[in-house]
Amino acid sequence: MRTAPNAEERTLIKGCLKGNQSAQMKLYNKYVQAMYNIVIRMHPHPMDAEDILQDSFVKVFRNLSSFNGESTLGAWIKRIVINTCLNFLRKNKRLSFIQMEGAGEFSEEMEEKGTSIDMASIHHAIKQLPEGCRVIFSLHLLEGYQHKEIAKILDITESTSKSQYHRAKRLLRNHLKKSAVVGYSS
């Protein structure tokens, strides 16, 4: 797994630090779609997501001189995007968690035989999750964070992270089962 920036990234970084608008545009264009996808998974309201993304890239360009190359540039930008999104959710009091008893008792079986579910249905179902569940689901399953890391980032217990993740899976499963029965319509 590559951790240091490659030659192209180093060139972009140098250009951005010199104020070269072409380099800034290249860096932005290289990462904007992937970062937007992260934001929209955590906060599915497009107007807010665009604001969060814009704020994130302002922070990226403002703090680029502090990038130390210990990770890829993409990983560093991703961390800024996730933190900006979490700060937005906290500031707007949209990030809440519901304590659940016996969260570890949820069954891991997720698929019914013969059921076909399209990506639009899955994306729609994820958008329907309560904010706290959606954020943890996104951080753990889609971004690869461990529950211990999520707990530290969100200032919650590791068991709360796990229970919210299991709750998200259960809610998704139920929503997708309903979608498979009645058919998905947007």
N, C-alpha and C. Protein backbone atom coordinates (compact mmCIF):
# COMPACT_ATOMS: atom_id res chain seq x y z
N MET A 1 0.84 -1.19 0.00
CA MET A 1 0.00 0.00 0.00
C MET A 1 0.88 1.25 0.00
N ARG A 2 0.69 2.09 -1.00
CA ARG A 2 1.49 3.31 -1.14
C ARG A 2 1.06 4.34 -0.09
N THR A 3 2.05 4.93 0.57
CA THR A 3 1.70 5.95 1.56
C THR A 3 2.20 7.34 1.18
N ALA A 4 3.32 7.42 0.55
CA ALA A 4 3.88 8.73 0.21
C ALA A 4 3.28 9.24 -1.10
N PRO A 5 3.24 10.55 -1.28
CA PRO A 5 2.70 11.09 -2.54
C PRO A 5 3.60 10.71 -3.72
N ASN A 6 2.97 10.48 -4.87
CA ASN A 6 3.74 10.16 -6.07
C ASN A 6 4.24 11.46 -6.71
N ALA A 7 4.96 11.31 -7.82
CA ALA A 7 5.56 12.48 -8.49
C ALA A 7 4.51 13.48 -8.95
N GLU A 8 3.40 12.98 -9.49
CA GLU A 8 2.32 13.88 -9.94
C GLU A 8 1.76 14.69 -8.77
N GLU A 9 1.53 14.01 -7.64
CA GLU A 9 1.00 14.71 -6.46
C GLU A 9 2.00 15.74 -5.95
N ARG A 10 3.28 15.38 -5.92
CA ARG A 10 4.30 16.34 -5.45
C ARG A 10 4.33 17.58 -6.34
N THR A 11 4.20 17.38 -7.65
CA THR A 11 4.17 18.51 -8.60
C THR A 11 2.94 19.38 -8.35
N LEU A 12 1.79 18.73 -8.16
CA LEU A 12 0.55 19.49 -7.87
C LEU A 12 0.69 20.28 -6.58
N ILE A 13 1.23 19.64 -5.57
CA ILE A 13 1.39 20.30 -4.27
C ILE A 13 2.30 21.52 -4.40
N LYS A 14 3.43 21.35 -5.07
CA LYS A 14 4.36 22.48 -5.25
C LYS A 14 3.69 23.62 -6.00
N GLY A 15 2.97 23.28 -7.06
CA GLY A 15 2.27 24.30 -7.84
C GLY A 15 1.22 25.02 -7.01
N CYS A 16 0.46 24.27 -6.23
CA CYS A 16 -0.58 24.88 -5.38
C CYS A 16 0.04 25.80 -4.34
N LEU A 17 1.14 25.35 -3.76
CA LEU A 17 1.79 26.17 -2.73
C LEU A 17 2.35 27.46 -3.31
N LYS A 18 2.67 27.46 -4.61
CA LYS A 18 3.16 28.67 -5.28
C LYS A 18 1.99 29.54 -5.75
N GLY A 19 0.76 29.07 -5.54
CA GLY A 19 -0.41 29.84 -5.94
C GLY A 19 -0.79 29.64 -7.40
N ASN A 20 -0.27 28.63 -8.04
CA ASN A 20 -0.58 28.34 -9.44
C ASN A 20 -2.02 27.84 -9.56
N GLN A 21 -2.86 28.64 -10.20
CA GLN A 21 -4.29 28.29 -10.30
C GLN A 21 -4.53 27.05 -11.13
N SER A 22 -3.71 26.81 -12.12
CA SER A 22 -3.84 25.60 -12.94
C SER A 22 -3.60 24.35 -12.08
N ALA A 23 -2.58 24.40 -11.25
CA ALA A 23 -2.29 23.27 -10.36
C ALA A 23 -3.43 23.09 -9.35
N GLN A 24 -3.93 24.19 -8.82
CA GLN A 24 -5.05 24.10 -7.87
C GLN A 24 -6.27 23.47 -8.52
N MET A 25 -6.55 23.86 -9.75
CA MET A 25 -7.69 23.30 -10.47
C MET A 25 -7.49 21.81 -10.75
N LYS A 26 -6.28 21.42 -11.12
CA LYS A 26 -5.98 20.01 -11.36
C LYS A 26 -6.17 19.20 -10.09
N LEU A 27 -5.66 19.70 -8.97
CA LEU A 27 -5.81 18.99 -7.70
C LEU A 27 -7.29 18.87 -7.34
N TYR A 28 -8.00 19.96 -7.46
CA TYR A 28 -9.44 19.97 -7.17
C TYR A 28 -10.17 18.96 -8.05
N ASN A 29 -9.94 19.02 -9.35
CA ASN A 29 -10.63 18.12 -10.28
C ASN A 29 -10.27 16.66 -10.06
N LYS A 30 -9.05 16.42 -9.62
CA LYS A 30 -8.61 15.04 -9.38
C LYS A 30 -9.37 14.41 -8.21
N TYR A 31 -9.71 15.19 -7.20
CA TYR A 31 -10.28 14.64 -5.98
C TYR A 31 -11.73 15.00 -5.71
N VAL A 32 -12.29 15.95 -6.41
CA VAL A 32 -13.60 16.48 -6.05
C VAL A 32 -14.71 15.42 -6.07
N GLN A 33 -14.75 14.59 -7.09
CA GLN A 33 -15.85 13.63 -7.18
C GLN A 33 -15.78 12.58 -6.07
N ALA A 34 -14.60 12.06 -5.81
CA ALA A 34 -14.45 11.06 -4.74
C ALA A 34 -14.82 11.67 -3.39
N MET A 35 -14.42 12.90 -3.16
CA MET A 35 -14.71 13.55 -1.88
C MET A 35 -16.19 13.90 -1.77
N TYR A 36 -16.80 14.28 -2.87
CA TYR A 36 -18.24 14.54 -2.86
C TYR A 36 -19.00 13.25 -2.50
N ASN A 37 -18.55 12.14 -3.05
CA ASN A 37 -19.21 10.86 -2.74
C ASN A 37 -19.13 10.54 -1.25
N ILE A 38 -18.02 10.86 -0.63
CA ILE A 38 -17.89 10.64 0.82
C ILE A 38 -18.89 11.52 1.56
N VAL A 39 -18.93 12.79 1.22
CA VAL A 39 -19.82 13.73 1.91
C VAL A 39 -21.28 13.33 1.73
N ILE A 40 -21.67 13.01 0.52
CA ILE A 40 -23.09 12.73 0.25
C ILE A 40 -23.54 11.44 0.94
N ARG A 41 -22.61 10.52 1.17
CA ARG A 41 -22.95 9.30 1.93
C ARG A 41 -23.18 9.62 3.40
N MET A 42 -22.44 10.59 3.91
CA MET A 42 -22.58 10.94 5.32
C MET A 42 -23.70 11.96 5.55
N HIS A 43 -23.94 12.79 4.55
CA HIS A 43 -24.96 13.84 4.69
C HIS A 43 -25.66 14.00 3.34
N PRO A 44 -26.80 13.35 3.16
CA PRO A 44 -27.38 13.23 1.82
C PRO A 44 -28.15 14.43 1.30
N HIS A 45 -27.96 15.59 1.88
CA HIS A 45 -28.63 16.78 1.40
C HIS A 45 -27.68 17.53 0.46
N PRO A 46 -27.96 17.52 -0.85
CA PRO A 46 -27.01 18.03 -1.84
C PRO A 46 -26.51 19.46 -1.61
N MET A 47 -27.37 20.36 -1.20
CA MET A 47 -26.90 21.74 -1.01
C MET A 47 -25.91 21.83 0.14
N ASP A 48 -26.22 21.16 1.25
CA ASP A 48 -25.29 21.13 2.38
C ASP A 48 -24.01 20.40 1.99
N ALA A 49 -24.16 19.31 1.25
CA ALA A 49 -22.99 18.52 0.83
C ALA A 49 -22.05 19.38 0.00
N GLU A 50 -22.60 20.19 -0.89
CA GLU A 50 -21.76 21.07 -1.70
C GLU A 50 -21.04 22.10 -0.84
N ASP A 51 -21.75 22.64 0.16
CA ASP A 51 -21.11 23.60 1.08
C ASP A 51 -19.99 22.93 1.87
N ILE A 52 -20.25 21.73 2.35
CA ILE A 52 -19.24 20.98 3.11
C ILE A 52 -18.02 20.72 2.24
N LEU A 53 -18.27 20.32 1.01
CA LEU A 53 -17.18 20.04 0.08
C LEU A 53 -16.36 21.31 -0.19
N GLN A 54 -17.04 22.41 -0.41
CA GLN A 54 -16.35 23.68 -0.66
C GLN A 54 -15.51 24.07 0.55
N ASP A 55 -16.09 23.97 1.75
CA ASP A 55 -15.33 24.28 2.97
C ASP A 55 -14.12 23.37 3.10
N SER A 56 -14.30 22.11 2.74
CA SER A 56 -13.20 21.14 2.83
C SER A 56 -12.05 21.55 1.93
N PHE A 57 -12.35 21.91 0.70
CA PHE A 57 -11.27 22.27 -0.22
C PHE A 57 -10.63 23.60 0.15
N VAL A 58 -11.36 24.50 0.75
CA VAL A 58 -10.74 25.73 1.27
C VAL A 58 -9.72 25.34 2.33
N LYS A 59 -10.08 24.41 3.21
CA LYS A 59 -9.15 23.94 4.25
C LYS A 59 -7.96 23.21 3.63
N VAL A 60 -8.21 22.43 2.60
CA VAL A 60 -7.12 21.72 1.92
C VAL A 60 -6.09 22.72 1.41
N PHE A 61 -6.55 23.73 0.67
CA PHE A 61 -5.61 24.69 0.09
C PHE A 61 -4.96 25.56 1.16
N ARG A 62 -5.72 25.88 2.20
CA ARG A 62 -5.18 26.71 3.28
C ARG A 62 -4.11 25.96 4.08
N ASN A 63 -4.27 24.64 4.20
CA ASN A 63 -3.38 23.85 5.05
C ASN A 63 -2.42 22.95 4.28
N LEU A 64 -2.37 23.10 2.99
CA LEU A 64 -1.54 22.24 2.16
C LEU A 64 -0.06 22.26 2.58
N SER A 65 0.38 23.38 3.08
CA SER A 65 1.79 23.47 3.52
C SER A 65 2.07 22.55 4.71
N SER A 66 1.04 22.14 5.43
CA SER A 66 1.23 21.25 6.57
C SER A 66 1.16 19.77 6.18
N PHE A 67 0.87 19.49 4.91
CA PHE A 67 0.85 18.11 4.44
C PHE A 67 2.28 17.58 4.52
N ASN A 68 2.48 16.52 5.30
CA ASN A 68 3.84 16.03 5.55
C ASN A 68 4.22 14.80 4.72
N GLY A 69 3.32 14.31 3.89
CA GLY A 69 3.65 13.20 3.02
C GLY A 69 3.67 11.84 3.68
N GLU A 70 3.17 11.74 4.91
CA GLU A 70 3.13 10.44 5.58
C GLU A 70 2.02 9.54 5.04
N SER A 71 1.12 10.12 4.28
CA SER A 71 0.05 9.37 3.63
C SER A 71 -0.07 9.88 2.21
N THR A 72 -0.96 9.30 1.46
CA THR A 72 -1.22 9.84 0.13
C THR A 72 -1.94 11.16 0.28
N LEU A 73 -1.86 11.97 -0.72
CA LEU A 73 -2.58 13.24 -0.70
C LEU A 73 -4.08 12.99 -0.60
N GLY A 74 -4.55 11.98 -1.32
CA GLY A 74 -5.98 11.64 -1.28
C GLY A 74 -6.44 11.27 0.11
N ALA A 75 -5.63 10.50 0.83
CA ALA A 75 -5.99 10.10 2.20
C ALA A 75 -6.02 11.33 3.13
N TRP A 76 -5.08 12.24 2.93
CA TRP A 76 -5.04 13.46 3.73
C TRP A 76 -6.27 14.33 3.46
N ILE A 77 -6.62 14.46 2.18
CA ILE A 77 -7.81 15.24 1.82
C ILE A 77 -9.06 14.57 2.37
N LYS A 78 -9.13 13.26 2.27
CA LYS A 78 -10.27 12.50 2.78
C LYS A 78 -10.48 12.78 4.27
N ARG A 79 -9.41 12.81 5.03
CA ARG A 79 -9.51 13.08 6.48
C ARG A 79 -10.09 14.47 6.71
N ILE A 80 -9.65 15.45 5.94
CA ILE A 80 -10.18 16.81 6.07
C ILE A 80 -11.67 16.83 5.73
N VAL A 81 -12.04 16.15 4.67
CA VAL A 81 -13.45 16.11 4.24
C VAL A 81 -14.31 15.46 5.32
N ILE A 82 -13.89 14.34 5.85
CA ILE A 82 -14.67 13.65 6.89
C ILE A 82 -14.79 14.53 8.13
N ASN A 83 -13.69 15.15 8.55
CA ASN A 83 -13.74 16.02 9.73
C ASN A 83 -14.63 17.24 9.49
N THR A 84 -14.58 17.81 8.31
CA THR A 84 -15.43 18.95 7.99
C THR A 84 -16.89 18.54 8.01
N CYS A 85 -17.19 17.38 7.47
CA CYS A 85 -18.56 16.88 7.47
C CYS A 85 -19.05 16.62 8.90
N LEU A 86 -18.23 15.99 9.71
CA LEU A 86 -18.62 15.71 11.10
C LEU A 86 -18.81 17.01 11.87
N ASN A 87 -17.93 17.99 11.66
CA ASN A 87 -18.09 19.28 12.33
C ASN A 87 -19.39 19.96 11.92
N PHE A 88 -19.74 19.88 10.65
CA PHE A 88 -21.00 20.44 10.17
C PHE A 88 -22.18 19.76 10.88
N LEU A 89 -22.15 18.45 10.95
CA LEU A 89 -23.25 17.71 11.59
C LEU A 89 -23.35 18.04 13.07
N ARG A 90 -22.21 18.15 13.74
CA ARG A 90 -22.22 18.51 15.17
C ARG A 90 -22.75 19.93 15.36
N LYS A 91 -22.25 20.85 14.55
CA LYS A 91 -22.65 22.26 14.67
C LYS A 91 -24.15 22.43 14.47
N ASN A 92 -24.70 21.67 13.55
CA ASN A 92 -26.12 21.77 13.26
C ASN A 92 -26.95 20.76 14.05
N LYS A 93 -26.31 20.16 15.05
CA LYS A 93 -26.97 19.24 15.96
C LYS A 93 -27.75 18.14 15.23
N ARG A 94 -27.16 17.65 14.15
CA ARG A 94 -27.79 16.58 13.38
C ARG A 94 -27.21 15.22 13.69
N LEU A 95 -26.16 15.20 14.49
CA LEU A 95 -25.49 13.95 14.78
C LEU A 95 -25.93 13.48 16.16
N SER A 96 -26.76 12.45 16.18
CA SER A 96 -27.22 11.91 17.45
C SER A 96 -27.21 10.39 17.36
N PHE A 97 -27.10 9.78 18.51
CA PHE A 97 -27.01 8.33 18.58
C PHE A 97 -28.04 7.81 19.56
N ILE A 98 -28.61 6.68 19.24
CA ILE A 98 -29.61 6.05 20.10
C ILE A 98 -28.98 4.82 20.71
N GLN A 99 -28.98 4.75 22.04
CA GLN A 99 -28.43 3.58 22.71
C GLN A 99 -29.37 2.40 22.51
N MET A 100 -28.78 1.25 22.27
CA MET A 100 -29.58 0.06 22.01
C MET A 100 -29.10 -1.07 22.92
N GLU A 101 -30.03 -1.81 23.46
CA GLU A 101 -29.70 -2.97 24.26
C GLU A 101 -29.47 -4.16 23.35
N GLY A 102 -28.50 -4.97 23.66
CA GLY A 102 -28.28 -6.21 22.94
C GLY A 102 -27.91 -6.04 21.49
N ALA A 103 -27.15 -5.02 21.18
CA ALA A 103 -26.81 -4.76 19.78
C ALA A 103 -26.05 -5.91 19.15
N GLY A 104 -25.26 -6.61 19.93
CA GLY A 104 -24.48 -7.71 19.39
C GLY A 104 -25.31 -8.92 19.01
N GLU A 105 -26.59 -8.93 19.34
CA GLU A 105 -27.44 -10.07 19.06
C GLU A 105 -28.03 -10.05 17.66
N PHE A 106 -27.81 -8.99 16.90
CA PHE A 106 -28.36 -8.92 15.55
C PHE A 106 -27.75 -10.01 14.69
N SER A 107 -28.56 -10.59 13.88
CA SER A 107 -28.11 -11.63 12.97
C SER A 107 -27.29 -11.02 11.86
N GLU A 108 -26.28 -11.73 11.42
CA GLU A 108 -25.43 -11.24 10.35
C GLU A 108 -25.95 -11.61 8.97
N GLU A 109 -26.99 -12.46 8.90
CA GLU A 109 -27.50 -12.83 7.58
C GLU A 109 -28.18 -11.64 6.97
N MET A 110 -27.77 -11.26 5.76
CA MET A 110 -28.28 -10.04 5.17
C MET A 110 -29.01 -10.26 3.85
N GLU A 111 -28.79 -11.37 3.20
CA GLU A 111 -29.35 -11.52 1.88
C GLU A 111 -30.37 -12.63 1.84
N GLU A 112 -31.46 -12.37 1.17
CA GLU A 112 -32.44 -13.40 0.92
C GLU A 112 -32.14 -14.00 -0.43
N LYS A 113 -32.28 -15.28 -0.55
CA LYS A 113 -31.97 -15.94 -1.82
C LYS A 113 -32.92 -15.46 -2.90
N GLY A 114 -32.33 -15.19 -4.05
CA GLY A 114 -33.13 -14.83 -5.22
C GLY A 114 -33.58 -13.39 -5.28
N THR A 115 -33.22 -12.56 -4.31
CA THR A 115 -33.63 -11.16 -4.33
C THR A 115 -32.56 -10.33 -5.02
N SER A 116 -32.97 -9.55 -5.98
CA SER A 116 -32.05 -8.69 -6.70
C SER A 116 -32.32 -7.24 -6.30
N ILE A 117 -31.28 -6.55 -5.87
CA ILE A 117 -31.42 -5.17 -5.43
C ILE A 117 -30.44 -4.31 -6.21
N ASP A 118 -30.93 -3.24 -6.82
CA ASP A 118 -30.06 -2.39 -7.62
C ASP A 118 -29.39 -1.34 -6.74
N MET A 119 -28.33 -0.71 -7.28
CA MET A 119 -27.56 0.28 -6.53
C MET A 119 -28.39 1.51 -6.16
N ALA A 120 -29.33 1.89 -7.00
CA ALA A 120 -30.18 3.04 -6.68
C ALA A 120 -30.99 2.76 -5.42
N SER A 121 -31.47 1.54 -5.27
CA SER A 121 -32.23 1.17 -4.07
C SER A 121 -31.35 1.22 -2.83
N ILE A 122 -30.13 0.75 -2.96
CA ILE A 122 -29.20 0.76 -1.83
C ILE A 122 -28.87 2.20 -1.45
N HIS A 123 -28.56 3.02 -2.43
CA HIS A 123 -28.24 4.42 -2.17
C HIS A 123 -29.42 5.13 -1.51
N HIS A 124 -30.62 4.88 -2.02
CA HIS A 124 -31.83 5.47 -1.44
C HIS A 124 -32.01 5.01 0.01
N ALA A 125 -31.79 3.73 0.26
CA ALA A 125 -31.95 3.18 1.61
C ALA A 125 -30.94 3.80 2.58
N ILE A 126 -29.71 4.00 2.14
CA ILE A 126 -28.69 4.62 2.99
C ILE A 126 -29.10 6.04 3.34
N LYS A 127 -29.67 6.77 2.38
CA LYS A 127 -30.13 8.15 2.64
C LYS A 127 -31.23 8.19 3.69
N GLN A 128 -31.99 7.10 3.83
CA GLN A 128 -33.10 7.07 4.77
C GLN A 128 -32.66 6.79 6.21
N LEU A 129 -31.41 6.38 6.39
CA LEU A 129 -30.93 6.08 7.74
C LEU A 129 -30.88 7.33 8.61
N PRO A 130 -31.14 7.17 9.91
CA PRO A 130 -30.93 8.31 10.82
C PRO A 130 -29.46 8.77 10.73
N GLU A 131 -29.24 10.04 10.93
CA GLU A 131 -27.92 10.65 10.71
C GLU A 131 -26.78 9.89 11.41
N GLY A 132 -26.94 9.60 12.70
CA GLY A 132 -25.88 8.91 13.45
C GLY A 132 -25.55 7.55 12.87
N CYS A 133 -26.58 6.79 12.55
CA CYS A 133 -26.38 5.47 11.93
C CYS A 133 -25.69 5.60 10.59
N ARG A 134 -26.13 6.55 9.79
CA ARG A 134 -25.58 6.72 8.45
C ARG A 134 -24.10 7.10 8.51
N VAL A 135 -23.75 7.99 9.42
CA VAL A 135 -22.35 8.41 9.54
C VAL A 135 -21.47 7.24 9.94
N ILE A 136 -21.89 6.49 10.94
CA ILE A 136 -21.08 5.35 11.39
C ILE A 136 -21.03 4.27 10.32
N PHE A 137 -22.15 4.00 9.69
CA PHE A 137 -22.18 3.02 8.60
C PHE A 137 -21.20 3.42 7.51
N SER A 138 -21.22 4.68 7.13
CA SER A 138 -20.33 5.18 6.08
C SER A 138 -18.87 5.10 6.51
N LEU A 139 -18.58 5.54 7.71
CA LEU A 139 -17.20 5.52 8.18
C LEU A 139 -16.66 4.10 8.27
N HIS A 140 -17.49 3.17 8.78
CA HIS A 140 -17.00 1.81 8.99
C HIS A 140 -16.98 0.99 7.71
N LEU A 141 -18.11 0.88 7.06
CA LEU A 141 -18.20 -0.01 5.91
C LEU A 141 -17.61 0.60 4.65
N LEU A 142 -17.89 1.85 4.41
CA LEU A 142 -17.49 2.46 3.14
C LEU A 142 -16.11 3.11 3.18
N GLU A 143 -15.72 3.65 4.33
CA GLU A 143 -14.42 4.32 4.43
C GLU A 143 -13.36 3.49 5.15
N GLY A 144 -13.76 2.37 5.75
CA GLY A 144 -12.80 1.44 6.33
C GLY A 144 -12.30 1.76 7.73
N TYR A 145 -12.95 2.66 8.43
CA TYR A 145 -12.54 2.96 9.80
C TYR A 145 -12.97 1.84 10.74
N GLN A 146 -12.16 1.57 11.75
CA GLN A 146 -12.51 0.60 12.78
C GLN A 146 -13.38 1.29 13.82
N HIS A 147 -14.17 0.50 14.56
CA HIS A 147 -15.07 1.09 15.56
C HIS A 147 -14.30 1.88 16.62
N LYS A 148 -13.11 1.43 16.95
CA LYS A 148 -12.30 2.15 17.93
C LYS A 148 -11.95 3.55 17.41
N GLU A 149 -11.59 3.65 16.13
CA GLU A 149 -11.28 4.94 15.51
C GLU A 149 -12.53 5.83 15.44
N ILE A 150 -13.65 5.23 15.07
CA ILE A 150 -14.90 5.99 14.97
C ILE A 150 -15.28 6.54 16.34
N ALA A 151 -15.14 5.71 17.35
CA ALA A 151 -15.47 6.14 18.72
C ALA A 151 -14.63 7.35 19.12
N LYS A 152 -13.37 7.32 18.78
CA LYS A 152 -12.48 8.43 19.12
C LYS A 152 -12.86 9.68 18.33
N ILE A 153 -13.11 9.53 17.03
CA ILE A 153 -13.46 10.67 16.18
C ILE A 153 -14.75 11.33 16.65
N LEU A 154 -15.75 10.51 17.00
CA LEU A 154 -17.08 11.04 17.33
C LEU A 154 -17.28 11.27 18.83
N ASP A 155 -16.27 10.93 19.62
CA ASP A 155 -16.36 11.07 21.07
C ASP A 155 -17.54 10.28 21.64
N ILE A 156 -17.60 9.01 21.23
CA ILE A 156 -18.60 8.08 21.73
C ILE A 156 -17.88 6.82 22.16
N THR A 157 -18.60 5.88 22.76
CA THR A 157 -17.97 4.63 23.13
C THR A 157 -17.88 3.72 21.91
N GLU A 158 -16.98 2.78 21.99
CA GLU A 158 -16.84 1.82 20.90
C GLU A 158 -18.12 0.99 20.77
N SER A 159 -18.76 0.67 21.90
CA SER A 159 -20.01 -0.11 21.83
C SER A 159 -21.13 0.69 21.18
N THR A 160 -21.14 2.02 21.36
CA THR A 160 -22.14 2.84 20.67
C THR A 160 -21.90 2.81 19.17
N SER A 161 -20.64 2.88 18.77
CA SER A 161 -20.33 2.79 17.35
C SER A 161 -20.81 1.46 16.77
N LYS A 162 -20.52 0.39 17.47
CA LYS A 162 -20.93 -0.94 16.99
C LYS A 162 -22.45 -1.07 16.96
N SER A 163 -23.12 -0.58 17.99
CA SER A 163 -24.58 -0.72 18.01
C SER A 163 -25.24 0.11 16.92
N GLN A 164 -24.70 1.31 16.65
CA GLN A 164 -25.26 2.15 15.59
C GLN A 164 -25.01 1.51 14.22
N TYR A 165 -23.87 0.87 14.06
CA TYR A 165 -23.56 0.18 12.81
C TYR A 165 -24.53 -0.98 12.60
N HIS A 166 -24.74 -1.76 13.65
CA HIS A 166 -25.68 -2.89 13.55
C HIS A 166 -27.10 -2.40 13.32
N ARG A 167 -27.46 -1.30 13.95
CA ARG A 167 -28.79 -0.73 13.74
C ARG A 167 -28.94 -0.28 12.28
N ALA A 168 -27.90 0.35 11.75
CA ALA A 168 -27.93 0.79 10.35
C ALA A 168 -28.11 -0.41 9.42
N LYS A 169 -27.39 -1.49 9.67
CA LYS A 169 -27.52 -2.68 8.83
C LYS A 169 -28.93 -3.25 8.91
N ARG A 170 -29.49 -3.27 10.12
CA ARG A 170 -30.85 -3.80 10.29
C ARG A 170 -31.87 -2.93 9.56
N LEU A 171 -31.74 -1.61 9.71
CA LEU A 171 -32.65 -0.70 9.03
C LEU A 171 -32.52 -0.80 7.52
N LEU A 172 -31.28 -0.90 7.04
CA LEU A 172 -31.06 -1.06 5.60
C LEU A 172 -31.69 -2.36 5.10
N ARG A 173 -31.46 -3.43 5.83
CA ARG A 173 -32.01 -4.73 5.45
C ARG A 173 -33.53 -4.64 5.36
N ASN A 174 -34.16 -4.04 6.36
CA ASN A 174 -35.62 -3.92 6.36
C ASN A 174 -36.10 -3.05 5.20
N HIS A 175 -35.42 -1.94 4.98
CA HIS A 175 -35.82 -1.05 3.88
C HIS A 175 -35.67 -1.76 2.53
N LEU A 176 -34.57 -2.47 2.36
CA LEU A 176 -34.33 -3.15 1.08
C LEU A 176 -35.30 -4.30 0.87
N LYS A 177 -35.68 -4.98 1.95
CA LYS A 177 -36.69 -6.04 1.82
C LYS A 177 -38.01 -5.45 1.36
N LYS A 178 -38.38 -4.31 1.94
CA LYS A 178 -39.61 -3.64 1.52
C LYS A 178 -39.51 -3.20 0.07
N SER A 179 -38.35 -2.66 -0.33
CA SER A 179 -38.15 -2.22 -1.69
C SER A 179 -38.26 -3.38 -2.66
N ALA A 180 -37.74 -4.53 -2.28
CA ALA A 180 -37.79 -5.71 -3.15
C ALA A 180 -39.23 -6.20 -3.31
N VAL A 181 -40.04 -6.02 -2.27
CA VAL A 181 -41.42 -6.47 -2.32
C VAL A 181 -42.29 -5.52 -3.14
N VAL A 182 -42.17 -4.20 -2.85
CA VAL A 182 -43.03 -3.24 -3.53
C VAL A 182 -42.39 -2.61 -4.76
N GLY A 183 -41.11 -2.81 -4.92
CA GLY A 183 -40.41 -2.21 -6.06
C GLY A 183 -39.94 -0.82 -5.69
N TYR A 184 -38.79 -0.43 -6.18
CA TYR A 184 -38.20 0.86 -5.86
C TYR A 184 -38.72 1.91 -6.84
N SER A 185 -39.12 3.04 -6.30
CA SER A 185 -39.47 4.17 -7.15
C SER A 185 -38.91 5.42 -6.52
N SER A 186 -38.35 6.29 -7.34
CA SER A 186 -37.76 7.51 -6.78
C SER A 186 -38.61 8.70 -7.01
